[in-house]
Amino acid sequence: MTETEFIPTTTLSYPEKGAFTWEAPSNIALVKYWGKYGEQLPKNPSVSFTLSNCKTTTTLKFQKKEESKEKFDFQVFLDQKRAKDFDPKIALFFERVLPYLPFLKEYQFTIETHNSFPHSSGIASSASGMSALALCLLSIEKAANPKLTEDYFTKKAAFLARLGSGSATRSLQGEVVIWGEHKTIENSSNLYGIKVESPIHENFKNYKDTVLLVDKGQKTVSSTLGHNLMIEHPYAEQRFEQAFSNTKKLLEILKSGDLDKFIHLVESEALALHAMMMTSSPYFILMQPNTLAIIHKIWQFRKENNSKICFTLDAGANVHLLYPAVEEAKVLDFIKNQLVAHCQKEQYICDQVGKGAKQLHFA
């Protein structure tokens, strides 16, 4: 599909008022997206596990204004408290999606949002938060045009979410999502993430992800700045080629169930991401000493116990510990006995691969 196909072509009668509630999960990329162009478009494809427990629940209340104004009219509440810090990001998001949701300036919105994971826990809430908001907004169009197909609704919601946060486009569906056009993957697109339809081996069903919270503080370098530093990065093109190759390899691994190949690819992708940070100009490091201590202990545990655990990293210091469900008991013991000492306030979050977003309340 193209951008123009998401622009309404008929005059619709939108509801006077109402409310929608959606919950959307976060996700963790296995093949990393780092570097973008245009309006939130990826320079390389990425593949992610959709999570289950780390999610955002958003209620969007809307009321038509007596007169349409030039400015957007909204208020954001996080855990029932007015969150003005979110206003600039939401205003930018509304500006980007206005051509596709032309009714936005006709309403007064109240956005009430809640994260299931602790605030400032080091888990990026932009993916779950922007996907939940996009789904709520598109539900208004769906109310005005019930003929929208489920396929169109999902693709447009993923398209809109991407304009708020690139990784948000991977949070609508599960268990595995690919975002970015790849010539060997049918229907893949830079405009929105799609669910991987090829069979996923039983080895990866109910796969576990325990997030080890090494550093809950604000990152020294934002992801937006990090992406921009790829524009003149000396190794950017090689990195993009690597990601294209690894995308194809990972989908084959997920189908075959080869855990050893999975471990090697996922860990090398995580380290490649941080290598790009350390070799950019200016260079920067987001990993902390405790990040490295955890990685070394994971490697040692895997070798000594013939385990299939592995790690991945997002653009920060925290460690995602990935492992098959059959190893859950012994891995949790390992976390409690050896890894929590390297976590801030000994905190970690247990999660697993999930199915995607879900609507909770209808207007």
Protein backbone atom coordinates (compact mmCIF):
# COMPACT_ATOMS: atom_id res chain seq x y z
CA MET A 1 0.00 0.00 0.00
CA THR A 2 1.02 3.65 -0.45
CA GLU A 3 0.61 6.71 1.79
CA THR A 4 -2.23 8.07 -0.33
CA GLU A 5 -4.32 4.95 0.24
CA PHE A 6 -4.58 5.93 3.92
CA ILE A 7 -6.16 9.31 3.13
CA PRO A 8 -9.99 9.21 3.38
CA THR A 9 -11.52 9.81 -0.03
CA THR A 10 -15.15 10.23 1.01
CA THR A 11 -16.92 12.63 3.35
CA LEU A 12 -17.69 10.83 6.59
CA SER A 13 -20.09 11.59 9.42
CA TYR A 14 -17.94 11.36 12.55
CA PRO A 15 -19.50 10.78 16.00
CA GLU A 16 -20.23 13.76 18.25
CA LYS A 17 -18.48 12.24 21.24
CA GLY A 18 -17.32 8.97 22.70
CA ALA A 19 -14.39 7.04 24.12
CA PHE A 20 -12.18 4.15 23.05
CA THR A 21 -9.71 2.13 25.07
CA TRP A 22 -6.90 0.05 23.63
CA GLU A 23 -3.98 -1.74 25.21
CA ALA A 24 -0.81 -2.24 23.21
CA PRO A 25 2.39 -4.02 24.23
CA SER A 26 5.99 -3.01 23.88
CA ASN A 27 8.31 -5.08 21.71
CA ILE A 28 11.96 -6.03 21.59
CA ALA A 29 13.83 -5.99 18.28
CA LEU A 30 15.93 -9.04 17.46
CA VAL A 31 17.25 -7.55 14.22
CA LYS A 32 17.80 -3.88 15.03
CA TYR A 33 16.59 -0.77 13.22
CA TRP A 34 19.18 2.03 13.48
CA GLY A 35 19.14 4.77 10.91
CA LYS A 36 16.17 6.37 9.17
CA TYR A 37 15.21 8.71 6.36
CA GLY A 38 12.25 10.82 5.35
CA GLU A 39 9.40 10.79 7.82
CA GLN A 40 10.16 7.92 10.19
CA LEU A 41 11.20 5.46 7.47
CA PRO A 42 13.82 2.78 8.25
CA LYS A 43 17.11 2.40 6.41
CA ASN A 44 16.99 -1.34 7.13
CA PRO A 45 14.33 -3.88 8.12
CA SER A 46 13.89 -4.98 11.73
CA VAL A 47 12.31 -8.05 13.28
CA SER A 48 10.86 -8.12 16.78
CA PHE A 49 9.21 -10.26 19.40
CA THR A 50 5.96 -8.68 20.57
CA LEU A 51 5.86 -8.64 24.37
CA SER A 52 2.90 -9.44 26.60
CA ASN A 53 3.15 -7.94 30.10
CA CYS A 54 4.92 -4.65 29.33
CA LYS A 55 2.04 -2.71 27.83
CA THR A 56 0.28 0.63 27.73
CA THR A 57 -3.46 1.07 28.23
CA THR A 58 -4.86 4.27 26.71
CA THR A 59 -8.36 5.70 26.83
CA LEU A 60 -9.17 8.41 24.33
CA LYS A 61 -12.21 10.55 25.16
CA PHE A 62 -13.41 12.88 22.43
CA GLN A 63 -16.04 15.62 22.10
CA LYS A 64 -16.73 17.70 19.00
CA LYS A 65 -15.97 21.40 19.43
CA GLU A 66 -18.52 24.05 18.56
CA GLU A 67 -16.04 25.54 16.11
CA SER A 68 -13.04 23.94 14.47
CA LYS A 69 -9.84 25.76 15.38
CA GLU A 70 -6.39 25.87 13.86
CA LYS A 71 -4.75 24.34 16.93
CA PHE A 72 -5.13 20.83 18.26
CA ASP A 73 -7.09 20.60 21.50
CA PHE A 74 -5.95 17.85 23.84
CA GLN A 75 -4.83 17.05 27.37
CA VAL A 76 -2.68 14.09 28.37
CA PHE A 77 -2.94 12.32 31.72
CA LEU A 78 -0.45 9.70 32.91
CA ASP A 79 -1.76 7.66 35.84
CA GLN A 80 -4.52 10.26 36.37
CA LYS A 81 -2.06 13.17 36.59
CA ARG A 82 -1.78 15.89 33.96
CA ALA A 83 1.38 15.17 31.95
CA LYS A 84 2.31 18.39 30.13
CA ASP A 85 5.73 17.00 29.25
CA PHE A 86 4.00 14.80 26.66
CA ASP A 87 2.26 17.72 24.92
CA PRO A 88 5.00 18.58 22.37
CA LYS A 89 5.36 14.96 21.24
CA ILE A 90 1.59 14.48 20.90
CA ALA A 91 1.26 17.79 19.02
CA LEU A 92 3.98 16.70 16.57
CA PHE A 93 2.28 13.32 16.15
CA PHE A 94 -1.08 14.97 15.46
CA GLU A 95 0.56 17.24 12.87
CA ARG A 96 2.10 14.27 11.09
CA VAL A 97 -1.10 12.20 10.98
CA LEU A 98 -3.51 15.06 10.19
CA PRO A 99 -3.57 14.33 6.43
CA TYR A 100 -4.75 10.79 7.24
CA LEU A 101 -7.11 11.73 10.11
CA PRO A 102 -8.57 15.06 8.91
CA PHE A 103 -11.03 15.25 11.82
CA LEU A 104 -8.37 15.89 14.48
CA LYS A 105 -8.91 19.64 14.79
CA GLU A 106 -12.68 19.18 15.11
CA TYR A 107 -12.43 17.52 18.54
CA GLN A 108 -11.39 18.16 22.08
CA PHE A 109 -9.44 15.10 23.27
CA THR A 110 -8.60 13.73 26.68
CA ILE A 111 -5.87 11.10 26.58
CA GLU A 112 -5.62 8.93 29.70
CA THR A 113 -2.72 6.50 29.69
CA HIS A 114 -1.15 3.95 32.02
CA ASN A 115 1.90 1.72 31.71
CA SER A 116 1.88 -1.73 33.30
CA PHE A 117 5.60 -1.37 33.93
CA PRO A 118 6.97 1.16 36.45
CA HIS A 119 7.38 4.72 35.23
CA SER A 120 11.02 5.46 34.35
CA SER A 121 11.77 1.75 34.59
CA GLY A 122 14.04 1.92 31.59
CA ILE A 123 11.49 0.25 29.31
CA ALA A 124 10.71 2.49 26.36
CA SER A 125 7.01 3.30 26.47
CA SER A 126 6.91 5.12 23.13
CA ALA A 127 6.26 1.91 21.16
CA SER A 128 3.36 0.75 23.30
CA GLY A 129 2.05 4.26 23.97
CA MET A 130 1.98 5.53 20.40
CA SER A 131 0.50 2.32 19.03
CA ALA A 132 -2.31 2.42 21.63
CA LEU A 133 -3.04 6.07 20.81
CA ALA A 134 -3.02 5.40 17.05
CA LEU A 135 -5.52 2.57 17.51
CA CYS A 136 -7.81 4.82 19.57
CA LEU A 137 -7.72 7.59 16.97
CA LEU A 138 -8.36 5.24 14.07
CA SER A 139 -11.31 3.79 15.97
CA ILE A 140 -13.05 7.16 15.45
CA GLU A 141 -12.69 6.73 11.70
CA LYS A 142 -13.90 3.15 12.01
CA ALA A 143 -17.00 4.40 13.85
CA ALA A 144 -17.70 6.75 10.95
CA ASN A 145 -16.94 4.12 8.34
CA PRO A 146 -17.80 0.61 9.57
CA LYS A 147 -16.89 -0.80 6.16
CA LEU A 148 -13.18 -0.50 6.93
CA THR A 149 -11.74 -4.00 6.70
CA GLU A 150 -9.72 -5.49 9.54
CA ASP A 151 -6.67 -5.70 7.28
CA TYR A 152 -6.91 -2.04 6.27
CA PHE A 153 -7.54 -0.97 9.88
CA THR A 154 -4.46 -2.83 11.14
CA LYS A 155 -2.18 -1.53 8.39
CA LYS A 156 -3.35 2.06 8.76
CA ALA A 157 -3.01 1.92 12.56
CA ALA A 158 0.55 0.59 12.18
CA PHE A 159 1.23 3.30 9.60
CA LEU A 160 -0.03 6.01 11.98
CA ALA A 161 1.84 4.58 14.97
CA ARG A 162 5.09 4.72 12.98
CA LEU A 163 4.68 8.46 12.60
CA GLY A 164 4.71 8.77 16.39
CA SER A 165 7.51 6.31 17.08
CA GLY A 166 9.17 4.07 14.52
CA SER A 167 9.22 0.98 16.72
CA ALA A 168 5.54 1.51 17.59
CA THR A 169 4.61 0.07 14.20
CA ARG A 170 5.81 -3.33 15.50
CA SER A 171 3.52 -3.32 18.58
CA LEU A 172 0.12 -3.95 17.03
CA GLN A 173 0.45 -7.61 16.16
CA GLY A 174 2.31 -10.69 17.40
CA GLU A 175 4.13 -12.93 17.91
CA VAL A 176 6.81 -11.85 15.43
CA VAL A 177 6.68 -8.63 13.39
CA ILE A 178 8.86 -7.34 10.57
CA TRP A 179 9.08 -3.67 9.68
CA GLY A 180 10.93 -2.60 6.55
CA GLU A 181 10.82 -3.60 2.93
CA HIS A 182 12.75 -6.76 2.06
CA LYS A 183 12.71 -8.14 -1.47
CA THR A 184 12.41 -11.76 -0.29
CA ILE A 185 9.51 -11.11 2.12
CA GLU A 186 6.09 -10.71 0.59
CA ASN A 187 4.09 -7.63 1.63
CA SER A 188 6.94 -6.21 3.73
CA SER A 189 6.90 -2.42 3.80
CA ASN A 190 8.76 0.61 5.12
CA LEU A 191 5.38 2.21 5.87
CA TYR A 192 4.18 -0.24 8.52
CA GLY A 193 5.08 -3.43 10.34
CA ILE A 194 3.45 -6.72 9.39
CA LYS A 195 2.99 -9.96 11.27
CA VAL A 196 5.32 -12.74 10.16
CA GLU A 197 2.93 -15.32 8.74
CA SER A 198 5.41 -18.13 8.14
CA PRO A 199 5.24 -20.87 10.78
CA ILE A 200 7.13 -20.25 14.02
CA HIS A 201 8.78 -23.34 15.50
CA GLU A 202 7.52 -24.68 18.83
CA ASN A 203 10.89 -23.81 20.38
CA PHE A 204 9.90 -20.15 20.18
CA LYS A 205 6.35 -20.48 21.48
CA ASN A 206 5.85 -18.74 24.85
CA TYR A 207 9.45 -17.55 24.63
CA LYS A 208 10.50 -15.64 27.75
CA ASP A 209 12.01 -12.18 28.06
CA THR A 210 13.16 -11.01 31.47
CA VAL A 211 14.21 -7.37 31.42
CA LEU A 212 17.10 -6.65 33.76
CA LEU A 213 16.90 -3.00 34.80
CA VAL A 214 20.51 -1.89 34.92
CA ASP A 215 19.89 1.85 34.63
CA LYS A 216 16.51 3.53 34.87
CA GLY A 217 17.82 7.04 34.26
CA GLN A 218 17.42 9.13 31.12
CA LYS A 219 19.78 8.14 28.31
CA THR A 220 22.72 10.46 27.69
CA VAL A 221 21.99 10.36 23.95
CA SER A 222 18.43 10.05 22.64
CA SER A 223 17.47 7.45 20.05
CA THR A 224 16.49 10.25 17.66
CA LEU A 225 19.99 11.71 17.78
CA GLY A 226 21.51 8.23 17.48
CA HIS A 227 19.51 7.53 14.33
CA ASN A 228 20.62 10.84 12.84
CA LEU A 229 24.27 10.02 13.47
CA MET A 230 23.94 7.13 11.00
CA ILE A 231 23.59 9.61 8.12
CA GLU A 232 27.36 10.15 7.84
CA HIS A 233 28.46 7.05 9.73
CA PRO A 234 31.51 5.43 8.09
CA TYR A 235 30.09 1.92 8.54
CA ALA A 236 26.41 2.66 7.89
CA GLU A 237 26.09 0.91 4.55
CA GLN A 238 27.80 -2.24 5.83
CA ARG A 239 25.48 -2.23 8.83
CA PHE A 240 22.38 -1.88 6.66
CA GLU A 241 23.55 -4.78 4.47
CA GLN A 242 24.13 -6.88 7.59
CA ALA A 243 20.60 -6.18 8.83
CA PHE A 244 19.05 -7.13 5.50
CA SER A 245 20.99 -10.41 5.54
CA ASN A 246 20.19 -11.14 9.18
CA THR A 247 16.49 -10.49 8.64
CA LYS A 248 16.29 -13.31 6.12
CA LYS A 249 18.44 -15.58 8.31
CA LEU A 250 16.35 -14.93 11.42
CA LEU A 251 13.06 -15.80 9.74
CA GLU A 252 14.61 -19.08 8.60
CA ILE A 253 15.84 -19.75 12.16
CA LEU A 254 12.43 -19.02 13.69
CA LYS A 255 10.93 -21.54 11.27
CA SER A 256 13.57 -24.24 11.84
CA GLY A 257 13.81 -23.85 15.62
CA ASP A 258 17.63 -23.77 15.69
CA LEU A 259 18.32 -22.22 19.10
CA ASP A 260 22.10 -22.07 18.69
CA LYS A 261 21.82 -20.05 15.48
CA PHE A 262 19.20 -17.86 17.16
CA ILE A 263 21.57 -17.11 20.04
CA HIS A 264 24.45 -16.20 17.75
CA LEU A 265 22.40 -13.92 15.50
CA VAL A 266 20.49 -12.13 18.26
CA GLU A 267 23.56 -11.42 20.39
CA SER A 268 25.63 -10.27 17.41
CA GLU A 269 22.79 -7.92 16.37
CA ALA A 270 22.71 -6.37 19.85
CA LEU A 271 26.45 -5.81 19.86
CA ALA A 272 26.39 -4.45 16.29
CA LEU A 273 23.82 -1.84 17.39
CA HIS A 274 26.06 -0.61 20.17
CA ALA A 275 29.13 -0.78 17.92
CA MET A 276 27.42 1.77 15.67
CA MET A 277 27.04 4.07 18.67
CA MET A 278 30.67 3.68 19.68
CA THR A 279 31.95 4.39 16.16
CA SER A 280 29.70 7.34 15.27
CA SER A 281 30.83 10.98 15.38
CA PRO A 282 30.38 12.07 18.07
CA TYR A 283 30.77 8.62 19.63
CA PHE A 284 28.90 7.54 22.74
CA ILE A 285 28.38 4.51 24.98
CA LEU A 286 25.01 3.57 26.48
CA MET A 287 26.10 0.30 28.05
CA GLN A 288 27.11 0.47 31.70
CA PRO A 289 29.66 -1.65 33.63
CA ASN A 290 26.78 -3.71 35.02
CA THR A 291 25.54 -4.35 31.48
CA LEU A 292 28.86 -5.97 30.64
CA ALA A 293 28.96 -7.87 33.94
CA ILE A 294 25.56 -9.40 33.18
CA ILE A 295 26.59 -10.35 29.64
CA HIS A 296 29.70 -12.16 30.87
CA LYS A 297 27.67 -14.03 33.50
CA ILE A 298 25.13 -15.05 30.83
CA TRP A 299 27.91 -16.47 28.68
CA GLN A 300 29.37 -18.35 31.64
CA PHE A 301 25.99 -19.76 32.72
CA ARG A 302 25.18 -20.87 29.19
CA LYS A 303 28.47 -22.73 28.87
CA GLU A 304 28.35 -24.39 32.31
CA ASN A 305 24.68 -25.43 32.14
CA ASN A 306 24.25 -26.20 28.44
CA SER A 307 21.56 -23.53 28.52
CA LYS A 308 19.93 -21.76 25.57
CA ILE A 309 19.64 -18.35 27.22
CA CYS A 310 20.89 -15.30 25.38
CA PHE A 311 20.73 -11.53 25.63
CA THR A 312 19.72 -8.62 23.51
CA LEU A 313 19.95 -4.89 24.17
CA ASP A 314 17.85 -1.94 23.18
CA ALA A 315 19.34 1.54 22.77
CA GLY A 316 20.24 1.71 26.45
CA ALA A 317 21.92 -0.09 29.33
CA ASN A 318 19.22 -2.61 30.19
CA VAL A 319 19.55 -6.27 29.26
CA HIS A 320 16.76 -8.41 27.80
CA LEU A 321 17.37 -12.01 28.82
CA LEU A 322 15.73 -14.33 26.28
CA TYR A 323 15.17 -18.04 26.92
CA PRO A 324 12.83 -20.95 26.11
CA ALA A 325 9.88 -21.52 28.45
CA VAL A 326 11.24 -24.95 29.47
CA GLU A 327 14.20 -23.22 31.15
CA GLU A 328 12.15 -20.72 33.14
CA ALA A 329 12.68 -22.16 36.62
CA LYS A 330 16.46 -22.51 36.42
CA VAL A 331 16.89 -19.15 34.67
CA LEU A 332 14.86 -17.35 37.34
CA ASP A 333 17.09 -18.92 40.00
CA PHE A 334 20.12 -17.70 38.05
CA ILE A 335 18.66 -14.19 37.92
CA LYS A 336 17.91 -14.11 41.64
CA ASN A 337 21.24 -15.62 42.69
CA GLN A 338 23.64 -13.89 40.32
CA LEU A 339 22.13 -11.12 38.17
CA VAL A 340 19.97 -8.96 40.43
CA ALA A 341 23.12 -7.66 42.12
CA HIS A 342 23.85 -5.81 38.86
CA CYS A 343 20.32 -4.34 38.55
CA GLN A 344 19.30 -0.97 39.89
CA LYS A 345 17.52 -1.66 43.19
CA GLU A 346 17.58 -5.35 42.17
CA GLN A 347 14.67 -4.75 39.80
CA TYR A 348 13.70 -6.85 36.81
CA ILE A 349 10.50 -7.49 34.83
CA CYS A 350 9.35 -10.92 33.67
CA ASP A 351 7.68 -10.95 30.27
CA GLN A 352 7.11 -13.26 27.33
CA VAL A 353 6.16 -13.23 23.66
CA GLY A 354 2.61 -11.97 23.19
CA LYS A 355 -0.16 -11.64 20.61
CA GLY A 356 -0.40 -7.87 20.12
CA ALA A 357 -2.83 -5.04 20.82
CA LYS A 358 -6.37 -5.50 22.10
CA GLN A 359 -9.41 -3.23 22.26
CA LEU A 360 -10.94 -2.99 25.72
CA HIS A 361 -13.70 -0.40 25.37
CA PHE A 362 -15.91 0.65 22.50
CA ALA A 363 -17.62 4.01 22.07
